[in-house]
Protein backbone atom coordinates (compact mmCIF):
# COMPACT_ATOMS: atom_id res chain seq x y z
CA MET A 1 -17.35 -11.33 13.87
CA SER A 2 -13.61 -11.54 14.24
CA LEU A 3 -11.41 -14.03 12.49
CA GLN A 4 -7.78 -14.54 13.39
CA THR A 5 -5.14 -14.86 10.73
CA SER A 6 -3.07 -17.94 11.25
CA THR A 7 0.18 -16.09 11.68
CA LYS A 8 0.07 -12.32 12.30
CA ARG A 9 2.78 -11.89 9.68
CA PRO A 10 2.57 -8.42 8.16
CA ILE A 11 0.76 -8.25 4.84
CA VAL A 12 2.15 -6.04 2.09
CA VAL A 13 -0.30 -4.91 -0.57
CA PHE A 14 1.20 -3.33 -3.66
CA GLY A 15 0.30 -2.41 -7.20
CA PRO A 16 -0.05 0.66 -9.36
CA SER A 17 -2.02 3.68 -8.20
CA GLY A 18 -5.60 3.29 -9.41
CA THR A 19 -5.90 -0.50 -9.07
CA GLY A 20 -8.31 -0.31 -6.13
CA LYS A 21 -5.94 -1.22 -3.29
CA SER A 22 -7.41 1.45 -1.00
CA THR A 23 -10.98 0.39 -1.79
CA LEU A 24 -10.19 -3.27 -1.05
CA LEU A 25 -8.40 -2.42 2.20
CA LYS A 26 -11.16 -0.09 3.41
CA ARG A 27 -13.64 -2.93 2.91
CA LEU A 28 -11.36 -5.38 4.76
CA PHE A 29 -10.98 -2.99 7.70
CA ALA A 30 -14.72 -2.35 7.82
CA GLU A 31 -15.52 -6.07 7.88
CA TYR A 32 -12.71 -7.08 10.27
CA PRO A 33 -11.98 -4.00 12.42
CA ASN A 34 -10.44 -6.00 15.27
CA ASP A 35 -8.06 -8.09 13.16
CA PHE A 36 -6.03 -5.60 11.14
CA GLY A 37 -4.13 -2.43 11.69
CA PHE A 38 -3.01 -0.15 8.97
CA SER A 39 0.53 1.04 9.12
CA VAL A 40 0.13 4.76 8.63
CA SER A 41 2.72 5.96 6.14
CA ASN A 42 4.50 9.29 6.09
CA THR A 43 4.46 11.56 3.06
CA THR A 44 5.60 14.99 1.99
CA ARG A 45 2.64 15.44 -0.39
CA LYS A 46 -0.25 17.70 0.52
CA PRO A 47 -3.41 16.09 1.93
CA ARG A 48 -6.23 15.34 -0.53
CA ALA A 49 -9.80 16.30 0.32
CA GLY A 50 -11.02 14.29 3.30
CA GLU A 51 -7.59 12.94 4.31
CA ILE A 52 -6.71 13.28 7.98
CA HIS A 53 -3.20 13.58 9.45
CA GLY A 54 -2.44 10.48 11.52
CA ARG A 55 -5.20 8.40 9.94
CA ASP A 56 -4.52 8.46 6.20
CA TYR A 57 -0.90 9.63 6.37
CA HIS A 58 1.49 11.48 8.61
CA PHE A 59 1.98 14.61 6.50
CA LEU A 60 5.56 15.84 6.96
CA THR A 61 7.56 18.69 5.54
CA PRO A 62 10.46 17.64 3.30
CA GLU A 63 12.83 18.68 6.11
CA GLU A 64 11.03 16.55 8.70
CA PHE A 65 11.11 13.58 6.33
CA VAL A 66 14.86 13.92 5.67
CA ALA A 67 15.51 14.19 9.43
CA ALA A 68 13.58 10.92 10.00
CA ILE A 69 15.70 9.22 7.32
CA GLY A 70 18.80 10.44 9.13
CA ARG A 71 17.52 8.87 12.35
CA ASN A 72 16.97 5.52 10.52
CA GLU A 73 13.26 5.55 11.40
CA PHE A 74 12.05 4.02 8.13
CA ILE A 75 11.63 0.39 7.09
CA GLU A 76 11.23 1.71 3.58
CA HIS A 77 10.98 5.05 1.88
CA ALA A 78 10.84 6.22 -1.70
CA GLU A 79 10.20 9.24 -3.87
CA PHE A 80 7.25 9.18 -6.23
CA SER A 81 5.85 11.98 -8.41
CA GLY A 82 8.03 14.52 -6.62
CA ASN A 83 6.90 13.50 -3.13
CA ARG A 84 8.44 11.24 -0.51
CA TYR A 85 6.63 8.31 1.11
CA GLY A 86 7.80 6.00 3.86
CA THR A 87 6.81 3.49 6.52
CA THR A 88 8.41 3.77 9.92
CA ILE A 89 9.49 0.89 12.10
CA GLN A 90 7.35 2.43 14.85
CA ALA A 91 4.21 2.36 12.69
CA VAL A 92 4.52 -1.42 12.20
CA LYS A 93 5.37 -1.96 15.89
CA ASP A 94 2.34 0.07 16.95
CA VAL A 95 0.05 -2.24 14.99
CA ALA A 96 1.74 -5.42 16.24
CA ASP A 97 1.60 -4.14 19.83
CA SER A 98 -2.16 -3.73 19.48
CA GLY A 99 -2.47 -7.47 18.69
CA LYS A 100 -3.48 -6.90 15.09
CA THR A 101 -2.00 -8.02 11.78
CA CYS A 102 -0.20 -5.09 10.17
CA ILE A 103 -1.17 -4.13 6.63
CA LEU A 104 1.33 -2.15 4.56
CA ASP A 105 0.21 -0.44 1.34
CA ILE A 106 3.49 0.46 -0.36
CA ASP A 107 5.12 0.80 -3.76
CA VAL A 108 7.54 -1.56 -5.50
CA GLN A 109 10.62 0.17 -4.07
CA GLY A 110 9.12 -0.39 -0.63
CA VAL A 111 8.32 -4.02 -1.40
CA LYS A 112 11.95 -4.64 -2.30
CA SER A 113 13.06 -2.95 0.93
CA VAL A 114 10.65 -4.97 3.09
CA LYS A 115 11.93 -8.17 1.45
CA ASN A 116 15.37 -7.22 2.83
CA THR A 117 14.08 -7.09 6.43
CA ASP A 118 13.23 -9.82 8.93
CA LEU A 119 9.51 -8.92 8.93
CA ASP A 120 8.61 -12.21 7.16
CA ALA A 121 5.78 -10.43 5.35
CA ARG A 122 3.30 -11.89 2.88
CA PHE A 123 2.93 -10.03 -0.43
CA ILE A 124 -0.26 -9.36 -2.42
CA PHE A 125 0.00 -7.76 -5.86
CA VAL A 126 -3.16 -5.94 -6.99
CA ALA A 127 -3.26 -5.44 -10.76
CA PRO A 128 -5.66 -3.65 -13.08
CA PRO A 129 -7.50 -5.60 -15.81
CA SER A 130 -5.51 -3.62 -18.40
CA GLU A 131 -3.30 -0.55 -18.73
CA GLU A 132 -6.16 1.19 -20.58
CA GLU A 133 -8.55 0.60 -17.66
CA LEU A 134 -5.90 1.85 -15.24
CA GLU A 135 -5.57 5.10 -17.19
CA ARG A 136 -9.36 5.49 -17.25
CA ARG A 137 -9.51 5.05 -13.45
CA LEU A 138 -6.71 7.54 -12.81
CA ARG A 139 -8.33 10.16 -15.03
CA GLY A 140 -11.73 9.47 -13.47
CA ARG A 141 -10.48 10.42 -10.00
CA GLY A 142 -10.17 14.05 -11.02
CA THR A 143 -7.54 14.62 -8.32
CA ASP A 144 -4.30 14.63 -10.33
CA SER A 145 -2.81 16.99 -12.88
CA GLU A 146 -2.03 15.72 -16.37
CA GLU A 147 1.67 15.65 -15.42
CA SER A 148 0.92 13.59 -12.30
CA ILE A 149 -1.25 11.14 -14.28
CA HIS A 150 1.57 10.76 -16.81
CA LYS A 151 4.08 10.03 -14.01
CA ARG A 152 1.69 7.55 -12.39
CA LEU A 153 1.22 5.71 -15.70
CA GLU A 154 5.00 5.52 -16.25
CA ALA A 155 5.45 4.18 -12.72
CA ALA A 156 2.55 1.74 -13.27
CA LYS A 157 4.38 0.07 -16.16
CA LYS A 158 7.37 -0.60 -13.90
CA GLU A 159 5.14 -1.84 -11.09
CA LEU A 160 3.25 -4.16 -13.44
CA ASP A 161 6.54 -5.52 -14.79
CA TYR A 162 7.77 -6.20 -11.25
CA GLY A 163 4.47 -7.61 -9.97
CA ASN A 164 4.29 -10.06 -12.86
CA GLN A 165 7.78 -11.45 -12.16
CA GLU A 166 8.00 -14.88 -10.59
CA GLY A 167 8.60 -14.60 -6.85
CA SER A 168 7.58 -10.94 -6.56
CA CYS A 169 4.42 -11.80 -4.62
CA ASP A 170 2.62 -14.61 -2.85
CA THR A 171 -0.59 -13.96 -4.75
CA LYS A 172 -1.79 -11.73 -7.59
CA ILE A 173 -5.30 -10.29 -7.65
CA VAL A 174 -6.57 -8.74 -10.88
CA ASN A 175 -9.16 -6.20 -9.79
CA ASP A 176 -11.60 -6.43 -12.69
CA ASP A 177 -14.57 -7.10 -10.39
CA LEU A 178 -14.45 -5.56 -6.90
CA ASP A 179 -16.48 -8.30 -5.16
CA ALA A 180 -14.45 -11.11 -6.72
CA ALA A 181 -11.16 -9.31 -5.96
CA TYR A 182 -12.23 -8.81 -2.35
CA LYS A 183 -13.12 -12.49 -1.95
CA LYS A 184 -9.66 -13.44 -3.26
CA LEU A 185 -8.02 -10.99 -0.85
CA VAL A 186 -9.88 -12.37 2.19
CA SER A 187 -9.30 -15.97 1.10
CA PHE A 188 -5.54 -15.40 0.83
CA ILE A 189 -5.26 -13.50 4.10
CA PHE A 190 -7.13 -16.10 6.14
CA ALA A 191 -5.71 -19.14 4.34
């Protein structure tokens, strides 16, 4: 079954690492494969197990990333935990050209940048039930060093502060129950 969103405005999903954004989006894409396109971001970090270049990220060298910045290819880009991340204008256009609603999964710096464009995006903030639960989830992944977890938790505090500010998002979803959070996500998107 395919539902059409009322507008095709890009949808920006943001929140701290470990809140379940990827899990929610994978479920959305599985249920509505013809309605949404994921804007594939660029990063200078190394691929994690199972990640595929061009599907999960475009994995670039630091030099390639800097060259793309110089060519003004990015809508937004930021540095996080020693790696660069960014969304290109072309990635969003590719999704729109396919007739799908573009989904962007970006950090707070990126959210602020997108708000300064004419994309007319809608913003969804995904929050953890608590900072303690967020730390438990990050440690449970087993993919990050202690230093990386520490950096992610520091960044999470800033992202939570921003996401809880009035006007930062169109809706806030606290992911304390995956099924309930998913229902809220779908309800907002198709409202």
